[in-house]
Amino acid sequence: MKMSELRSKNKEELAVLLKSELTSLSEMERNVFLGKEKNTSLVRKKRLSLARLQTVLREVEIVGSHE
């Protein structure tokens, strides 16, 4: 998901998205470990997506605390 799409969401939507992405990442890592998934680069892409999401969530928290 693009940063602009993430920034358009509110804090609650970001929190729900974060939780689902974390679940998805753990499932993906498990599948790679068990050999069900051969494309390990998907794990890296998911981690980068999570980092973007956490960055936007933190930006929202910082901006919200200054208002």
Protein backbone atom coordinates (compact mmCIF):
# COMPACT_ATOMS: atom_id res chain seq x y z
CA MET A 1 0.00 0.00 0.00
CA LYS A 2 1.31 3.44 -0.86
CA MET A 3 2.17 6.01 1.80
CA SER A 4 -0.49 8.40 0.49
CA GLU A 5 -3.13 5.69 0.88
CA LEU A 6 -1.96 4.98 4.42
CA ARG A 7 -1.92 8.65 5.37
CA SER A 8 -5.54 9.02 4.29
CA LYS A 9 -6.66 6.47 6.89
CA ASN A 10 -7.47 7.29 10.51
CA LYS A 11 -5.71 5.84 13.56
CA GLU A 12 -8.25 3.07 14.17
CA GLU A 13 -8.11 1.85 10.56
CA LEU A 14 -4.31 1.83 10.72
CA ALA A 15 -4.34 -0.19 13.94
CA VAL A 16 -6.67 -2.80 12.42
CA LEU A 17 -4.54 -2.95 9.29
CA LEU A 18 -1.38 -3.34 11.38
CA LYS A 19 -2.84 -6.27 13.28
CA SER A 20 -3.92 -8.04 10.09
CA GLU A 21 -0.55 -7.42 8.44
CA LEU A 22 1.30 -8.85 11.46
CA THR A 23 -0.88 -11.96 11.33
CA SER A 24 -0.27 -12.26 7.62
CA LEU A 25 3.50 -11.91 8.10
CA SER A 26 3.67 -14.63 10.74
CA GLU A 27 1.62 -16.97 8.55
CA MET A 28 3.85 -16.19 5.57
CA GLU A 29 7.03 -16.82 7.58
CA ARG A 30 5.63 -20.12 8.82
CA ASN A 31 4.78 -21.19 5.26
CA VAL A 32 8.30 -20.35 4.09
CA PHE A 33 9.77 -22.32 6.99
CA LEU A 34 7.57 -25.33 6.24
CA GLY A 35 8.41 -25.16 2.54
CA LYS A 36 4.88 -24.35 1.38
CA GLU A 37 6.03 -21.00 0.01
CA LYS A 38 9.12 -20.84 -2.18
CA ASN A 39 9.18 -17.08 -2.79
CA THR A 40 11.03 -15.75 0.27
CA SER A 41 11.16 -12.21 -1.12
CA LEU A 42 7.48 -11.84 -0.20
CA VAL A 43 8.47 -11.89 3.48
CA ARG A 44 10.83 -8.96 2.93
CA LYS A 45 8.16 -7.02 1.05
CA LYS A 46 5.67 -7.67 3.85
CA ARG A 47 8.19 -6.41 6.43
CA LEU A 48 8.74 -3.24 4.41
CA SER A 49 4.99 -2.76 4.19
CA LEU A 50 4.73 -3.17 7.96
CA ALA A 51 7.48 -0.60 8.49
CA ARG A 52 5.60 1.89 6.31
CA LEU A 53 2.42 1.24 8.23
CA GLN A 54 4.13 1.68 11.61
CA THR A 55 5.76 4.90 10.39
CA VAL A 56 2.42 6.40 9.38
CA LEU A 57 0.81 5.24 12.62
CA ARG A 58 3.58 6.94 14.58
CA GLU A 59 3.19 10.13 12.51
CA VAL A 60 -0.52 10.15 13.34
CA GLU A 61 0.24 9.73 17.06
CA ILE A 62 2.79 12.56 17.05
CA VAL A 63 0.57 14.96 15.15
CA GLY A 64 -2.39 14.06 17.36
CA SER A 65 -0.44 14.80 20.54
CA HIS A 66 0.53 18.29 19.32
CA GLU A 67 -2.99 19.37 18.53
